[in-house]
Amino acid sequence: MSTSPTGGNCIDTAHIYGFGESERALGRWLELSGRRDEIVLIIEGWHPGVDEAGQFGPPRVTAESIHADLGESLERLGTDTSTCTCCTGTTRRCVRARCWRG
């Protein structure tokens, strides 16, 4: 079943988008619509930090950063799974796996 008028059911989000506000908004929509099971949810994470001037910091591709960012994203989204999790920022390698909190 499609979740949009054009037939799409895949949503790509990232820990850094809107400094978390986009994931919170998406989480509210997922809850209100009741369509989480219909969505292919791609979560990107472990981007370099960004300071107040918009300058990117050093790479954050570490076990601690991955665990922290994914946990925060899942919390904001109000779900405990993603369909695909991607390393982005300094690496462009997608990890094709079903990831979960815990």
C-alpha atoms as a PDB file:
ATOM      1  CA  MET A   1       0.000   0.000   0.000  1.00  0.00           C
ATOM      2  CA  SER A   2       1.293   3.434  -0.923  1.00  0.00           C
ATOM      3  CA  THR A   3       1.529   6.164   1.690  1.00  0.00           C
ATOM      4  CA  SER A   4       1.580   9.054  -0.766  1.00  0.00           C
ATOM      5  CA  PRO A   5      -0.522  10.091  -3.764  1.00  0.00           C
ATOM      6  CA  THR A   6       2.465   9.443  -6.041  1.00  0.00           C
ATOM      7  CA  GLY A   7       3.063   5.922  -4.761  1.00  0.00           C
ATOM      8  CA  GLY A   8       6.075   6.410  -2.487  1.00  0.00           C
ATOM      9  CA  ASN A   9       6.598   4.606   0.790  1.00  0.00           C
ATOM     10  CA  CYS A  10      10.296   5.283   1.493  1.00  0.00           C
ATOM     11  CA  ILE A  11      11.431   8.063   3.816  1.00  0.00           C
ATOM     12  CA  ASP A  12      15.070   9.060   4.282  1.00  0.00           C
ATOM     13  CA  THR A  13      15.896  10.987   7.428  1.00  0.00           C
ATOM     14  CA  ALA A  14      19.056  11.888   9.295  1.00  0.00           C
ATOM     15  CA  HIS A  15      20.058  12.628  12.851  1.00  0.00           C
ATOM     16  CA  ILE A  16      21.360  16.037  11.759  1.00  0.00           C
ATOM     17  CA  TYR A  17      18.422  17.200   9.556  1.00  0.00           C
ATOM     18  CA  GLY A  18      16.874  20.261  11.146  1.00  0.00           C
ATOM     19  CA  PHE A  19      18.912  19.511  14.278  1.00  0.00           C
ATOM     20  CA  GLY A  20      16.370  16.794  15.127  1.00  0.00           C
ATOM     21  CA  GLU A  21      13.179  18.733  14.393  1.00  0.00           C
ATOM     22  CA  SER A  22      12.493  16.911  11.116  1.00  0.00           C
ATOM     23  CA  GLU A  23      12.662  13.541  12.895  1.00  0.00           C
ATOM     24  CA  ARG A  24      10.329  14.779  15.628  1.00  0.00           C
ATOM     25  CA  ALA A  25       7.826  15.977  12.996  1.00  0.00           C
ATOM     26  CA  LEU A  26       8.118  12.695  11.104  1.00  0.00           C
ATOM     27  CA  GLY A  27       7.634  10.787  14.362  1.00  0.00           C
ATOM     28  CA  ARG A  28       4.403  12.695  15.042  1.00  0.00           C
ATOM     29  CA  TRP A  29       3.173  11.926  11.518  1.00  0.00           C
ATOM     30  CA  LEU A  30       4.035   8.234  11.868  1.00  0.00           C
ATOM     31  CA  GLU A  31       2.095   8.074  15.136  1.00  0.00           C
ATOM     32  CA  LEU A  32      -0.939  10.009  13.877  1.00  0.00           C
ATOM     33  CA  SER A  33      -1.140   8.235  10.531  1.00  0.00           C
ATOM     34  CA  GLY A  34      -0.646   4.735  11.944  1.00  0.00           C
ATOM     35  CA  ARG A  35       1.386   3.870   8.839  1.00  0.00           C
ATOM     36  CA  ARG A  36       4.759   2.957  10.354  1.00  0.00           C
ATOM     37  CA  ASP A  37       4.503  -0.638   9.118  1.00  0.00           C
ATOM     38  CA  GLU A  38       4.018   0.615   5.543  1.00  0.00           C
ATOM     39  CA  ILE A  39       7.130   2.798   5.533  1.00  0.00           C
ATOM     40  CA  VAL A  40      10.635   1.895   4.418  1.00  0.00           C
ATOM     41  CA  LEU A  41      12.543   4.049   6.898  1.00  0.00           C
ATOM     42  CA  ILE A  42      16.150   4.971   6.136  1.00  0.00           C
ATOM     43  CA  ILE A  43      18.073   6.616   8.964  1.00  0.00           C
ATOM     44  CA  GLU A  44      21.382   8.353   8.279  1.00  0.00           C
ATOM     45  CA  GLY A  45      23.711   9.179  11.109  1.00  0.00           C
ATOM     46  CA  TRP A  46      27.050   9.894  12.682  1.00  0.00           C
ATOM     47  CA  HIS A  47      27.586  13.050  10.659  1.00  0.00           C
ATOM     48  CA  PRO A  48      30.361  15.321  11.874  1.00  0.00           C
ATOM     49  CA  GLY A  49      29.164  17.776  14.524  1.00  0.00           C
ATOM     50  CA  VAL A  50      28.227  21.285  13.411  1.00  0.00           C
ATOM     51  CA  ASP A  51      29.085  24.369  15.453  1.00  0.00           C
ATOM     52  CA  GLU A  52      27.095  27.605  15.712  1.00  0.00           C
ATOM     53  CA  ALA A  53      28.933  29.040  12.702  1.00  0.00           C
ATOM     54  CA  GLY A  54      27.882  26.062  10.562  1.00  0.00           C
ATOM     55  CA  GLN A  55      31.383  24.584  10.427  1.00  0.00           C
ATOM     56  CA  PHE A  56      31.656  20.794  10.407  1.00  0.00           C
ATOM     57  CA  GLY A  57      33.811  19.078  12.997  1.00  0.00           C
ATOM     58  CA  PRO A  58      35.848  15.877  12.720  1.00  0.00           C
ATOM     59  CA  PRO A  59      34.359  12.552  11.556  1.00  0.00           C
ATOM     60  CA  ARG A  60      32.250  10.698  14.127  1.00  0.00           C
ATOM     61  CA  VAL A  61      32.166   7.173  12.704  1.00  0.00           C
ATOM     62  CA  THR A  62      32.704   5.354  15.991  1.00  0.00           C
ATOM     63  CA  ALA A  63      30.712   2.694  17.816  1.00  0.00           C
ATOM     64  CA  GLU A  64      29.729   5.254  20.452  1.00  0.00           C
ATOM     65  CA  SER A  65      28.534   7.837  17.897  1.00  0.00           C
ATOM     66  CA  ILE A  66      26.592   5.253  15.902  1.00  0.00           C
ATOM     67  CA  HIS A  67      24.861   3.929  19.020  1.00  0.00           C
ATOM     68  CA  ALA A  68      24.070   7.427  20.332  1.00  0.00           C
ATOM     69  CA  ASP A  69      22.803   8.882  17.033  1.00  0.00           C
ATOM     70  CA  LEU A  70      20.711   5.858  16.115  1.00  0.00           C
ATOM     71  CA  GLY A  71      19.199   5.751  19.604  1.00  0.00           C
ATOM     72  CA  GLU A  72      18.305   9.455  19.463  1.00  0.00           C
ATOM     73  CA  SER A  73      16.827   9.120  15.971  1.00  0.00           C
ATOM     74  CA  LEU A  74      14.691   6.135  16.938  1.00  0.00           C
ATOM     75  CA  GLU A  75      13.480   7.987  20.040  1.00  0.00           C
ATOM     76  CA  ARG A  76      12.567  11.098  18.022  1.00  0.00           C
ATOM     77  CA  LEU A  77      10.789   8.971  15.434  1.00  0.00           C
ATOM     78  CA  GLY A  78       8.865   7.044  18.081  1.00  0.00           C
ATOM     79  CA  THR A  79       9.876   3.677  16.676  1.00  0.00           C
ATOM     80  CA  ASP A  80      12.293   0.928  17.610  1.00  0.00           C
ATOM     81  CA  THR A  81      13.432  -0.136  14.131  1.00  0.00           C
ATOM     82  CA  SER A  82      14.766   1.265  10.889  1.00  0.00           C
ATOM     83  CA  THR A  83      14.680  -0.581   7.598  1.00  0.00           C
ATOM     84  CA  CYS A  84      18.115   0.637   6.559  1.00  0.00           C
ATOM     85  CA  THR A  85      20.793   2.573   8.389  1.00  0.00           C
ATOM     86  CA  CYS A  86      23.413   4.528   6.465  1.00  0.00           C
ATOM     87  CA  CYS A  87      26.804   5.874   7.413  1.00  0.00           C
ATOM     88  CA  THR A  88      27.015   9.327   5.886  1.00  0.00           C
ATOM     89  CA  GLY A  89      29.172  12.393   6.067  1.00  0.00           C
ATOM     90  CA  THR A  90      32.715  11.126   5.695  1.00  0.00           C
ATOM     91  CA  THR A  91      31.744   7.686   4.429  1.00  0.00           C
ATOM     92  CA  ARG A  92      29.164   6.936   1.780  1.00  0.00           C
ATOM     93  CA  ARG A  93      28.687   3.272   2.566  1.00  0.00           C
ATOM     94  CA  CYS A  94      25.218   1.978   3.284  1.00  0.00           C
ATOM     95  CA  VAL A  95      24.874  -0.755   5.860  1.00  0.00           C
ATOM     96  CA  ARG A  96      21.950  -2.887   4.687  1.00  0.00           C
ATOM     97  CA  ALA A  97      20.576  -4.324   7.859  1.00  0.00           C
ATOM     98  CA  ARG A  98      17.530  -4.188  10.061  1.00  0.00           C
ATOM     99  CA  CYS A  99      18.637  -2.217  13.094  1.00  0.00           C
ATOM    100  CA  TRP A 100      16.938  -1.909  16.441  1.00  0.00           C
ATOM    101  CA  ARG A 101      17.335  -0.093  19.701  1.00  0.00           C
ATOM    102  CA  GLY A 102      18.778  -1.986  22.629  1.00  0.00           C
END
